[in-house]
Protein backbone atom coordinates (compact mmCIF):
# COMPACT_ATOMS: atom_id res chain seq x y z
CA MET A 1 7.21 -59.71 51.97
CA TRP A 2 6.73 -57.48 54.96
CA LYS A 3 9.92 -55.56 54.63
CA PHE A 4 8.66 -54.77 51.04
CA VAL A 5 5.68 -53.46 52.39
CA ILE A 6 6.96 -51.60 55.19
CA PHE A 7 9.55 -50.04 52.87
CA ALA A 8 6.53 -48.89 50.07
CA VAL A 9 5.10 -46.89 53.09
CA ALA A 10 7.97 -45.24 54.23
CA ALA A 11 8.48 -44.27 50.68
CA PHE A 12 4.61 -43.22 50.17
CA ILE A 13 4.95 -41.16 53.53
CA LEU A 14 8.05 -39.38 52.52
CA TRP A 15 6.66 -38.66 49.28
CA LYS A 16 4.06 -36.80 50.63
CA MET A 17 5.91 -34.99 52.94
CA PHE A 18 8.11 -33.44 50.34
CA ALA A 19 5.27 -33.00 48.07
CA GLY A 20 3.28 -31.16 50.50
CA ASP A 21 6.45 -28.87 51.35
CA MET A 22 7.21 -27.89 47.52
CA LYS A 23 3.58 -27.24 47.26
CA ARG A 24 3.86 -24.75 50.27
CA ARG A 25 7.12 -23.12 49.01
CA LYS A 26 5.31 -22.49 45.41
CA GLU A 27 2.19 -21.14 47.65
CA GLU A 28 4.80 -18.55 49.65
CA ALA A 29 6.83 -17.63 46.94
CA LYS A 30 3.59 -16.64 44.49
CA LYS A 31 2.40 -14.58 47.70
CA GLU A 32 5.70 -12.99 47.87
CA GLN A 33 5.23 -12.03 44.53
CA GLU A 34 2.16 -10.73 44.85
CA THR A 35 3.13 -8.84 47.64
CA LEU A 36 5.95 -6.85 45.65
CA ILE A 37 3.60 -6.43 42.42
CA ALA A 38 1.56 -4.80 45.09
CA LYS A 39 3.97 -2.29 46.41
CA GLY A 40 5.29 -1.57 43.06
CA GLU A 41 8.93 -3.36 43.33
CA MET A 42 7.93 -5.30 40.44
CA VAL A 43 6.80 -4.04 36.90
CA LYS A 44 5.02 -5.65 34.13
CA ASP A 45 6.82 -6.14 30.70
CA PRO A 46 4.87 -4.95 28.24
CA ALA A 47 5.88 -7.34 25.80
CA CYS A 48 5.29 -10.83 27.25
CA GLY A 49 3.14 -9.44 30.06
CA SER A 50 5.01 -11.15 32.97
CA TYR A 51 6.40 -9.43 36.38
CA VAL A 52 10.25 -8.30 36.50
CA SER A 53 12.34 -6.47 39.14
CA PRO A 54 13.25 -3.31 38.14
CA ASP A 55 16.81 -3.74 39.27
CA ASN A 56 17.36 -7.14 37.00
CA SER A 57 15.39 -6.04 33.57
CA VAL A 58 16.64 -4.88 30.57
CA ARG A 59 15.63 -1.72 30.70
CA LEU A 60 14.78 0.71 27.71
CA ARG A 61 14.20 4.59 27.77
CA GLU A 62 11.37 5.98 25.85
CA GLY A 63 11.07 9.81 25.85
CA ASP A 64 11.27 10.33 29.80
CA ARG A 65 9.85 7.16 30.89
CA THR A 66 11.89 3.63 31.14
CA LEU A 67 10.32 0.20 30.35
CA HIS A 68 11.55 -2.77 31.98
CA PHE A 69 11.53 -6.00 29.99
CA CYS A 70 12.22 -9.80 31.44
CA SER A 71 14.97 -10.51 28.60
CA TYR A 72 16.25 -8.96 25.43
CA GLU A 73 14.16 -11.05 23.22
CA CYS A 74 11.06 -8.92 24.92
CA ARG A 75 12.45 -5.86 24.27
CA ASP A 76 13.43 -6.76 20.60
CA LYS A 77 9.92 -7.98 20.22
CA TYR A 78 8.58 -4.74 21.59
CA LEU A 79 10.81 -2.75 19.35
CA LYS A 80 9.76 -4.57 16.04
CA GLN A 81 5.78 -4.07 17.38
CA LEU A 82 6.98 -0.37 17.84
CA GLU A 83 8.70 0.39 14.52
CA SER A 84 6.07 -1.89 12.57
CA SER A 85 3.13 0.52 14.30
CA LYS A 86 5.28 3.44 12.83
CA THR A 87 5.48 2.29 9.44
CA LYS A 88 1.70 1.56 9.46
CA GLU A 89 0.85 5.07 10.43
CA GLY A 90 3.39 7.14 8.17
């Protein structure tokens, strides 16, 4: 019986240690992303609003500016929105 109690307490302590470490890592990753956004090293996807690194993004040239997307799906969604807004105007 005591072995089971000791094992349960040890398992709980290990779980708390790993859970705390995971939480700390998530917070650090979020702070790092916020820093990159503030520095301008990450740009906002105009379709879904997520932030993406310009180096790893799907790009679309629109005139003299370049838009960055997180995926081809978001780029296609943006193009459909752009096309539908042009057909409504004309």
